[in-house]
């Protein structure tokens, strides 16, 4: 705790150094207030999960729209989240699916012990390393949240590093893939192991693309290496998403709204 408090000023200065981030934070504050009074479906679901997530309103709304999109387009597959922390964003996906009358399986991959350490492949390692151990949500806490929201029956909780668990998972197809791994190695292994399992028309959302340089590098390198000509669509300062096309030769310009 003392160590965490000692590093906090440096973390805050790092977050506030970019004017675009500051402006985005102001927008986030306004939408946050709106979602606490709005009667619309997303806002109702948002209020149930907000205490258990660090995702912005825009990124949570992105997941909400992604689940609705794959339901509308009848894209087959499970919901998968890599990096669940306290479980709020995964719970939002599960709740949205239930509201649509679907029963998709949802997978939560996490250490359930906080963020692992970044590596030298992360260009911003010096600052990123200060976040090691952050974003803790224990397996019991996350499972309890899912039970309280009555969506635990469809959930599969997989504890461990992505490098140790993803290749062992038996997921036949993915409709929505939420990658929230922060660091280069974490994001890279998610794409290497899971991209090909995403169904045509499926949605991949990246939580950390605009914030952590390692996450951005992993995504950009993967798309270039695989010659995937898909635009990354912006959700907010950090969040991006893409829709896997049904025709691999077609550039993707589809939006979720």
C-alpha atoms as a PDB file:
ATOM      1  CA  UNK A   1       0.000   0.000   0.000  1.00  0.00           C
ATOM      2  CA  UNK A   2       2.799   2.440   0.904  1.00  0.00           C
ATOM      3  CA  UNK A   3       4.602   1.592  -2.343  1.00  0.00           C
ATOM      4  CA  UNK A   4       1.407   2.162  -4.322  1.00  0.00           C
ATOM      5  CA  UNK A   5       0.882   5.586  -2.721  1.00  0.00           C
ATOM      6  CA  UNK A   6       4.486   6.554  -3.468  1.00  0.00           C
ATOM      7  CA  UNK A   7       4.032   5.830  -7.192  1.00  0.00           C
ATOM      8  CA  UNK A   8       0.578   7.407  -7.517  1.00  0.00           C
ATOM      9  CA  UNK A   9       1.709  11.002  -8.337  1.00  0.00           C
ATOM     10  CA  UNK A  10       3.896   9.720 -11.165  1.00  0.00           C
ATOM     11  CA  UNK A  11       1.029   7.669 -12.560  1.00  0.00           C
ATOM     12  CA  UNK A  12      -1.298  10.659 -12.501  1.00  0.00           C
ATOM     13  CA  UNK A  13       1.265  12.902 -14.211  1.00  0.00           C
ATOM     14  CA  UNK A  14       1.747  10.291 -16.927  1.00  0.00           C
ATOM     15  CA  UNK A  15      -1.988  10.090 -17.543  1.00  0.00           C
ATOM     16  CA  UNK A  16      -2.409  13.875 -17.675  1.00  0.00           C
ATOM     17  CA  UNK A  17       0.459  14.681 -20.016  1.00  0.00           C
ATOM     18  CA  UNK A  18      -1.641  14.377 -23.180  1.00  0.00           C
ATOM     19  CA  UNK A  19      -4.204  17.180 -23.835  1.00  0.00           C
ATOM     20  CA  UNK A  20      -6.355  14.750 -25.842  1.00  0.00           C
ATOM     21  CA  UNK A  21      -6.552  12.467 -22.810  1.00  0.00           C
ATOM     22  CA  UNK A  22      -7.597  15.397 -20.618  1.00  0.00           C
ATOM     23  CA  UNK A  23     -10.318  16.402 -23.087  1.00  0.00           C
ATOM     24  CA  UNK A  24     -11.494  12.795 -23.367  1.00  0.00           C
ATOM     25  CA  UNK A  25     -11.679  12.570 -19.577  1.00  0.00           C
ATOM     26  CA  UNK A  26     -14.002  15.584 -19.498  1.00  0.00           C
ATOM     27  CA  UNK A  27     -16.321  13.931 -22.016  1.00  0.00           C
ATOM     28  CA  UNK A  28     -16.159  10.737 -20.001  1.00  0.00           C
ATOM     29  CA  UNK A  29     -17.260  12.615 -16.875  1.00  0.00           C
ATOM     30  CA  UNK A  30     -20.287  14.073 -18.674  1.00  0.00           C
ATOM     31  CA  UNK A  31     -21.408  10.753 -20.141  1.00  0.00           C
ATOM     32  CA  UNK A  32     -20.820   9.119 -16.765  1.00  0.00           C
ATOM     33  CA  UNK A  33     -23.300  11.519 -15.168  1.00  0.00           C
ATOM     34  CA  UNK A  34     -25.812  10.963 -17.967  1.00  0.00           C
ATOM     35  CA  UNK A  35     -25.658   7.197 -17.586  1.00  0.00           C
ATOM     36  CA  UNK A  36     -26.463   7.514 -13.888  1.00  0.00           C
ATOM     37  CA  UNK A  37     -29.854   9.094 -14.648  1.00  0.00           C
ATOM     38  CA  UNK A  38     -30.756   7.874 -18.143  1.00  0.00           C
ATOM     39  CA  UNK A  39     -33.623   5.338 -18.476  1.00  0.00           C
ATOM     40  CA  UNK A  40     -32.178   3.763 -21.646  1.00  0.00           C
ATOM     41  CA  UNK A  41     -31.127   0.112 -21.632  1.00  0.00           C
ATOM     42  CA  UNK A  42     -27.383   0.662 -21.810  1.00  0.00           C
ATOM     43  CA  UNK A  43     -27.488   3.116 -18.909  1.00  0.00           C
ATOM     44  CA  UNK A  44     -29.493   0.681 -16.789  1.00  0.00           C
ATOM     45  CA  UNK A  45     -26.915  -2.042 -17.427  1.00  0.00           C
ATOM     46  CA  UNK A  46     -24.061   0.425 -16.935  1.00  0.00           C
ATOM     47  CA  UNK A  47     -25.284   1.240 -13.424  1.00  0.00           C
ATOM     48  CA  UNK A  48     -25.176  -2.449 -12.501  1.00  0.00           C
ATOM     49  CA  UNK A  49     -21.572  -2.973 -13.532  1.00  0.00           C
ATOM     50  CA  UNK A  50     -19.938   0.446 -13.098  1.00  0.00           C
ATOM     51  CA  UNK A  51     -18.532  -0.207  -9.591  1.00  0.00           C
ATOM     52  CA  UNK A  52     -16.729  -3.273 -10.961  1.00  0.00           C
ATOM     53  CA  UNK A  53     -14.936  -1.895 -14.016  1.00  0.00           C
ATOM     54  CA  UNK A  54     -12.365   0.698 -15.015  1.00  0.00           C
ATOM     55  CA  UNK A  55     -13.562   0.783 -18.633  1.00  0.00           C
ATOM     56  CA  UNK A  56     -14.871   4.132 -19.824  1.00  0.00           C
ATOM     57  CA  UNK A  57     -18.506   4.675 -20.758  1.00  0.00           C
ATOM     58  CA  UNK A  58     -17.511   4.716 -24.425  1.00  0.00           C
ATOM     59  CA  UNK A  59     -15.696   1.389 -24.238  1.00  0.00           C
ATOM     60  CA  UNK A  60     -18.500  -0.227 -22.255  1.00  0.00           C
ATOM     61  CA  UNK A  61     -20.998   1.092 -24.788  1.00  0.00           C
ATOM     62  CA  UNK A  62     -18.763  -0.391 -27.491  1.00  0.00           C
ATOM     63  CA  UNK A  63     -19.078  -3.838 -25.908  1.00  0.00           C
ATOM     64  CA  UNK A  64     -22.831  -3.373 -25.513  1.00  0.00           C
ATOM     65  CA  UNK A  65     -23.179  -2.495 -29.190  1.00  0.00           C
ATOM     66  CA  UNK A  66     -20.870  -5.333 -30.209  1.00  0.00           C
ATOM     67  CA  UNK A  67     -23.041  -7.935 -28.476  1.00  0.00           C
ATOM     68  CA  UNK A  68     -26.177  -6.441 -30.016  1.00  0.00           C
ATOM     69  CA  UNK A  69     -24.487  -6.313 -33.424  1.00  0.00           C
ATOM     70  CA  UNK A  70     -23.500  -9.989 -33.510  1.00  0.00           C
ATOM     71  CA  UNK A  71     -26.994 -10.946 -32.334  1.00  0.00           C
ATOM     72  CA  UNK A  72     -28.629  -8.874 -35.065  1.00  0.00           C
ATOM     73  CA  UNK A  73     -26.261 -10.250 -37.724  1.00  0.00           C
ATOM     74  CA  UNK A  74     -26.598 -13.786 -36.333  1.00  0.00           C
ATOM     75  CA  UNK A  75     -22.858 -14.205 -35.919  1.00  0.00           C
ATOM     76  CA  UNK A  76     -22.171 -17.476 -34.153  1.00  0.00           C
ATOM     77  CA  UNK A  77     -19.690 -17.927 -31.338  1.00  0.00           C
ATOM     78  CA  UNK A  78     -18.930 -17.203 -27.716  1.00  0.00           C
ATOM     79  CA  UNK A  79     -18.099 -13.981 -25.902  1.00  0.00           C
ATOM     80  CA  UNK A  80     -14.473 -13.807 -24.749  1.00  0.00           C
ATOM     81  CA  UNK A  81     -12.681 -11.318 -22.513  1.00  0.00           C
ATOM     82  CA  UNK A  82      -8.928 -11.366 -21.942  1.00  0.00           C
ATOM     83  CA  UNK A  83      -8.230  -9.245 -18.881  1.00  0.00           C
ATOM     84  CA  UNK A  84     -11.289  -9.067 -16.647  1.00  0.00           C
ATOM     85  CA  UNK A  85     -10.094  -7.272 -13.498  1.00  0.00           C
ATOM     86  CA  UNK A  86     -13.211  -7.079 -11.276  1.00  0.00           C
ATOM     87  CA  UNK A  87     -15.502  -8.463 -13.975  1.00  0.00           C
ATOM     88  CA  UNK A  88     -17.679  -5.460 -14.803  1.00  0.00           C
ATOM     89  CA  UNK A  89     -17.113  -5.301 -18.553  1.00  0.00           C
ATOM     90  CA  UNK A  90     -17.576  -9.050 -19.007  1.00  0.00           C
ATOM     91  CA  UNK A  91     -20.719  -8.883 -16.878  1.00  0.00           C
ATOM     92  CA  UNK A  92     -22.052  -6.144 -19.157  1.00  0.00           C
ATOM     93  CA  UNK A  93     -21.597  -8.393 -22.178  1.00  0.00           C
ATOM     94  CA  UNK A  94     -23.317 -11.270 -20.410  1.00  0.00           C
ATOM     95  CA  UNK A  95     -26.227  -9.068 -19.282  1.00  0.00           C
ATOM     96  CA  UNK A  96     -26.649  -7.622 -22.776  1.00  0.00           C
ATOM     97  CA  UNK A  97     -26.770 -11.103 -24.268  1.00  0.00           C
ATOM     98  CA  UNK A  98     -29.393 -12.168 -21.735  1.00  0.00           C
ATOM     99  CA  UNK A  99     -31.497  -9.071 -22.457  1.00  0.00           C
ATOM    100  CA  UNK A 100     -31.499 -10.104 -26.102  1.00  0.00           C
ATOM    101  CA  UNK A 101     -32.792 -13.542 -25.176  1.00  0.00           C
ATOM    102  CA  UNK A 102     -29.522 -15.285 -26.049  1.00  0.00           C
ATOM    103  CA  UNK A 103     -27.485 -17.779 -24.026  1.00  0.00           C
ATOM    104  CA  UNK A 104     -23.948 -17.384 -25.300  1.00  0.00           C
ATOM    105  CA  UNK A 105     -21.093 -18.813 -23.296  1.00  0.00           C
ATOM    106  CA  UNK A 106     -18.750 -16.130 -21.948  1.00  0.00           C
ATOM    107  CA  UNK A 107     -15.084 -16.778 -21.163  1.00  0.00           C
ATOM    108  CA  UNK A 108     -13.077 -14.671 -18.696  1.00  0.00           C
ATOM    109  CA  UNK A 109      -9.291 -15.067 -18.894  1.00  0.00           C
ATOM    110  CA  UNK A 110      -7.309 -13.345 -16.142  1.00  0.00           C
ATOM    111  CA  UNK A 111      -4.627 -13.948 -13.537  1.00  0.00           C
ATOM    112  CA  UNK A 112      -7.213 -12.788 -10.961  1.00  0.00           C
ATOM    113  CA  UNK A 113      -4.155 -11.511  -9.088  1.00  0.00           C
ATOM    114  CA  UNK A 114      -3.596  -8.171 -10.841  1.00  0.00           C
ATOM    115  CA  UNK A 115      -1.570  -7.118 -13.868  1.00  0.00           C
ATOM    116  CA  UNK A 116       1.600  -9.097 -14.580  1.00  0.00           C
ATOM    117  CA  UNK A 117       4.804  -7.178 -15.149  1.00  0.00           C
ATOM    118  CA  UNK A 118       5.408  -5.695 -18.608  1.00  0.00           C
ATOM    119  CA  UNK A 119       8.534  -6.604 -20.537  1.00  0.00           C
ATOM    120  CA  UNK A 120      11.241  -4.797 -22.472  1.00  0.00           C
ATOM    121  CA  UNK A 121       8.978  -5.103 -25.530  1.00  0.00           C
ATOM    122  CA  UNK A 122       6.835  -2.367 -23.997  1.00  0.00           C
ATOM    123  CA  UNK A 123       8.257   0.992 -25.151  1.00  0.00           C
ATOM    124  CA  UNK A 124       6.853   2.685 -22.040  1.00  0.00           C
ATOM    125  CA  UNK A 125       8.183  -0.002 -19.692  1.00  0.00           C
ATOM    126  CA  UNK A 126       9.489   2.448 -17.083  1.00  0.00           C
ATOM    127  CA  UNK A 127       6.016   3.798 -16.354  1.00  0.00           C
ATOM    128  CA  UNK A 128       4.118   0.605 -17.208  1.00  0.00           C
ATOM    129  CA  UNK A 129       6.074  -1.348 -14.612  1.00  0.00           C
ATOM    130  CA  UNK A 130       4.585   0.865 -11.890  1.00  0.00           C
ATOM    131  CA  UNK A 131       1.193  -0.692 -12.639  1.00  0.00           C
ATOM    132  CA  UNK A 132       2.321  -4.262 -11.942  1.00  0.00           C
ATOM    133  CA  UNK A 133      -0.200  -5.835  -9.592  1.00  0.00           C
ATOM    134  CA  UNK A 134      -2.904  -3.228 -10.293  1.00  0.00           C
ATOM    135  CA  UNK A 135      -6.429  -4.023 -11.557  1.00  0.00           C
ATOM    136  CA  UNK A 136      -6.956  -6.840  -9.068  1.00  0.00           C
ATOM    137  CA  UNK A 137     -10.185  -8.762  -9.067  1.00  0.00           C
ATOM    138  CA  UNK A 138     -10.026 -12.112  -7.327  1.00  0.00           C
ATOM    139  CA  UNK A 139     -11.690 -15.136  -8.856  1.00  0.00           C
ATOM    140  CA  UNK A 140     -14.103 -15.307  -5.943  1.00  0.00           C
ATOM    141  CA  UNK A 141     -15.052 -11.624  -6.311  1.00  0.00           C
ATOM    142  CA  UNK A 142     -15.719 -11.930 -10.028  1.00  0.00           C
ATOM    143  CA  UNK A 143     -17.665 -15.166  -9.689  1.00  0.00           C
ATOM    144  CA  UNK A 144     -19.751 -13.613  -6.896  1.00  0.00           C
ATOM    145  CA  UNK A 145     -20.588 -10.648  -9.142  1.00  0.00           C
ATOM    146  CA  UNK A 146     -21.760 -12.972 -11.915  1.00  0.00           C
ATOM    147  CA  UNK A 147     -23.848 -14.977  -9.472  1.00  0.00           C
ATOM    148  CA  UNK A 148     -25.466 -11.836  -8.093  1.00  0.00           C
ATOM    149  CA  UNK A 149     -26.338 -10.672 -11.617  1.00  0.00           C
ATOM    150  CA  UNK A 150     -27.646 -14.175 -12.482  1.00  0.00           C
ATOM    151  CA  UNK A 151     -25.280 -14.729 -15.423  1.00  0.00           C
ATOM    152  CA  UNK A 152     -22.834 -17.185 -13.826  1.00  0.00           C
ATOM    153  CA  UNK A 153     -24.341 -20.235 -15.532  1.00  0.00           C
ATOM    154  CA  UNK A 154     -22.962 -19.128 -18.896  1.00  0.00           C
ATOM    155  CA  UNK A 155     -19.528 -18.071 -17.603  1.00  0.00           C
ATOM    156  CA  UNK A 156     -16.209 -19.893 -17.743  1.00  0.00           C
ATOM    157  CA  UNK A 157     -13.482 -18.418 -15.515  1.00  0.00           C
ATOM    158  CA  UNK A 158      -9.933 -19.298 -16.586  1.00  0.00           C
ATOM    159  CA  UNK A 159      -7.204 -18.337 -14.132  1.00  0.00           C
ATOM    160  CA  UNK A 160      -3.591 -17.812 -15.202  1.00  0.00           C
ATOM    161  CA  UNK A 161      -1.366 -15.915 -17.604  1.00  0.00           C
ATOM    162  CA  UNK A 162      -2.687 -15.735 -21.157  1.00  0.00           C
ATOM    163  CA  UNK A 163       0.508 -17.404 -22.370  1.00  0.00           C
ATOM    164  CA  UNK A 164      -0.374 -20.442 -20.233  1.00  0.00           C
ATOM    165  CA  UNK A 165      -4.141 -20.671 -20.719  1.00  0.00           C
ATOM    166  CA  UNK A 166      -5.294 -19.455 -24.130  1.00  0.00           C
ATOM    167  CA  UNK A 167      -3.754 -22.267 -26.175  1.00  0.00           C
ATOM    168  CA  UNK A 168      -5.442 -24.820 -23.901  1.00  0.00           C
ATOM    169  CA  UNK A 169      -8.914 -23.327 -24.231  1.00  0.00           C
ATOM    170  CA  UNK A 170     -11.444 -25.178 -26.343  1.00  0.00           C
ATOM    171  CA  UNK A 171     -13.369 -22.284 -27.830  1.00  0.00           C
ATOM    172  CA  UNK A 172     -14.834 -23.320 -31.187  1.00  0.00           C
ATOM    173  CA  UNK A 173     -15.762 -19.818 -32.376  1.00  0.00           C
ATOM    174  CA  UNK A 174     -15.794 -16.267 -31.010  1.00  0.00           C
ATOM    175  CA  UNK A 175     -18.444 -13.640 -31.760  1.00  0.00           C
ATOM    176  CA  UNK A 176     -17.022 -10.840 -29.574  1.00  0.00           C
ATOM    177  CA  UNK A 177     -13.407 -10.719 -28.386  1.00  0.00           C
ATOM    178  CA  UNK A 178     -12.481  -8.068 -25.814  1.00  0.00           C
ATOM    179  CA  UNK A 179      -8.708  -7.720 -25.401  1.00  0.00           C
ATOM    180  CA  UNK A 180      -7.750  -5.797 -22.267  1.00  0.00           C
ATOM    181  CA  UNK A 181      -4.250  -7.042 -21.590  1.00  0.00           C
ATOM    182  CA  UNK A 182      -2.405  -3.678 -21.378  1.00  0.00           C
ATOM    183  CA  UNK A 183       1.068  -4.978 -22.263  1.00  0.00           C
ATOM    184  CA  UNK A 184       2.731  -5.987 -25.523  1.00  0.00           C
ATOM    185  CA  UNK A 185       3.152  -9.687 -24.746  1.00  0.00           C
ATOM    186  CA  UNK A 186      -0.361 -10.003 -23.351  1.00  0.00           C
ATOM    187  CA  UNK A 187      -2.045  -8.417 -26.373  1.00  0.00           C
ATOM    188  CA  UNK A 188       0.202 -10.261 -28.824  1.00  0.00           C
ATOM    189  CA  UNK A 189      -0.626 -13.712 -27.459  1.00  0.00           C
ATOM    190  CA  UNK A 190      -4.359 -12.911 -27.472  1.00  0.00           C
ATOM    191  CA  UNK A 191      -4.235 -12.078 -31.172  1.00  0.00           C
ATOM    192  CA  UNK A 192      -1.931 -14.970 -32.050  1.00  0.00           C
ATOM    193  CA  UNK A 193      -4.127 -17.517 -30.273  1.00  0.00           C
ATOM    194  CA  UNK A 194      -7.640 -16.151 -30.790  1.00  0.00           C
ATOM    195  CA  UNK A 195      -7.908 -14.000 -33.914  1.00  0.00           C
ATOM    196  CA  UNK A 196      -8.477 -16.981 -36.204  1.00  0.00           C
ATOM    197  CA  UNK A 197     -11.276 -18.193 -33.935  1.00  0.00           C
ATOM    198  CA  UNK A 198     -13.235 -14.966 -34.382  1.00  0.00           C
ATOM    199  CA  UNK A 199     -16.140 -15.669 -36.722  1.00  0.00           C
ATOM    200  CA  UNK A 200     -16.594 -13.606 -39.896  1.00  0.00           C
ATOM    201  CA  UNK A 201     -18.649 -10.609 -38.838  1.00  0.00           C
ATOM    202  CA  UNK A 202     -17.359 -10.891 -35.276  1.00  0.00           C
ATOM    203  CA  UNK A 203     -16.124  -7.909 -33.294  1.00  0.00           C
ATOM    204  CA  UNK A 204     -12.702  -7.431 -31.687  1.00  0.00           C
ATOM    205  CA  UNK A 205     -12.387  -4.571 -29.202  1.00  0.00           C
ATOM    206  CA  UNK A 206      -9.071  -3.313 -27.836  1.00  0.00           C
ATOM    207  CA  UNK A 207      -9.149  -1.495 -24.520  1.00  0.00           C
ATOM    208  CA  UNK A 208      -5.592  -0.145 -24.367  1.00  0.00           C
ATOM    209  CA  UNK A 209      -4.650   0.743 -27.952  1.00  0.00           C
ATOM    210  CA  UNK A 210      -4.520   4.486 -27.416  1.00  0.00           C
ATOM    211  CA  UNK A 211      -3.071   4.430 -23.938  1.00  0.00           C
ATOM    212  CA  UNK A 212      -0.270   1.861 -23.721  1.00  0.00           C
ATOM    213  CA  UNK A 213       2.417   1.864 -26.401  1.00  0.00           C
ATOM    214  CA  UNK A 214       3.041  -1.862 -26.016  1.00  0.00           C
ATOM    215  CA  UNK A 215      -0.609  -2.697 -26.682  1.00  0.00           C
ATOM    216  CA  UNK A 216      -0.640  -0.463 -29.754  1.00  0.00           C
ATOM    217  CA  UNK A 217       2.590  -1.981 -31.043  1.00  0.00           C
ATOM    218  CA  UNK A 218       1.238  -5.532 -30.652  1.00  0.00           C
ATOM    219  CA  UNK A 219      -1.944  -4.737 -32.579  1.00  0.00           C
ATOM    220  CA  UNK A 220      -0.192  -2.837 -35.370  1.00  0.00           C
ATOM    221  CA  UNK A 221       2.452  -5.538 -35.805  1.00  0.00           C
ATOM    222  CA  UNK A 222      -0.137  -8.316 -35.921  1.00  0.00           C
ATOM    223  CA  UNK A 223      -2.291  -6.608 -38.533  1.00  0.00           C
ATOM    224  CA  UNK A 224       0.753  -5.806 -40.668  1.00  0.00           C
ATOM    225  CA  UNK A 225       2.247  -9.278 -40.349  1.00  0.00           C
ATOM    226  CA  UNK A 226      -1.012 -10.956 -41.299  1.00  0.00           C
ATOM    227  CA  UNK A 227      -1.716  -8.411 -44.057  1.00  0.00           C
ATOM    228  CA  UNK A 228      -5.103  -7.658 -42.523  1.00  0.00           C
ATOM    229  CA  UNK A 229      -6.429  -4.490 -44.138  1.00  0.00           C
ATOM    230  CA  UNK A 230      -8.973  -3.504 -41.528  1.00  0.00           C
ATOM    231  CA  UNK A 231      -9.385  -0.009 -40.119  1.00  0.00           C
ATOM    232  CA  UNK A 232      -9.367   0.379 -36.362  1.00  0.00           C
ATOM    233  CA  UNK A 233     -12.464   2.365 -35.430  1.00  0.00           C
ATOM    234  CA  UNK A 234     -12.239   4.770 -32.507  1.00  0.00           C
ATOM    235  CA  UNK A 235     -14.341   4.496 -29.355  1.00  0.00           C
ATOM    236  CA  UNK A 236     -12.456   7.032 -27.241  1.00  0.00           C
ATOM    237  CA  UNK A 237      -8.896   8.074 -26.443  1.00  0.00           C
ATOM    238  CA  UNK A 238      -7.846   4.495 -25.780  1.00  0.00           C
ATOM    239  CA  UNK A 239     -10.492   2.136 -27.147  1.00  0.00           C
ATOM    240  CA  UNK A 240     -10.568   0.796 -30.716  1.00  0.00           C
ATOM    241  CA  UNK A 241     -12.477  -1.969 -32.449  1.00  0.00           C
ATOM    242  CA  UNK A 242     -12.690  -3.767 -35.759  1.00  0.00           C
ATOM    243  CA  UNK A 243     -15.218  -6.046 -37.386  1.00  0.00           C
ATOM    244  CA  UNK A 244     -13.843  -9.156 -39.049  1.00  0.00           C
ATOM    245  CA  UNK A 245     -15.198  -9.136 -42.613  1.00  0.00           C
ATOM    246  CA  UNK A 246     -17.100 -11.993 -44.168  1.00  0.00           C
ATOM    247  CA  UNK A 247     -14.922 -11.519 -47.251  1.00  0.00           C
ATOM    248  CA  UNK A 248     -11.216 -11.283 -46.358  1.00  0.00           C
ATOM    249  CA  UNK A 249     -10.508  -9.301 -49.517  1.00  0.00           C
ATOM    250  CA  UNK A 250     -12.877  -6.486 -48.578  1.00  0.00           C
ATOM    251  CA  UNK A 251     -11.712  -3.518 -46.492  1.00  0.00           C
ATOM    252  CA  UNK A 252     -13.991  -3.062 -43.510  1.00  0.00           C
ATOM    253  CA  UNK A 253     -15.854   0.186 -42.916  1.00  0.00           C
ATOM    254  CA  UNK A 254     -18.834  -1.098 -40.935  1.00  0.00           C
ATOM    255  CA  UNK A 255     -19.916   0.704 -37.768  1.00  0.00           C
ATOM    256  CA  UNK A 256     -21.948  -0.748 -34.938  1.00  0.00           C
ATOM    257  CA  UNK A 257     -24.487   2.092 -34.838  1.00  0.00           C
END
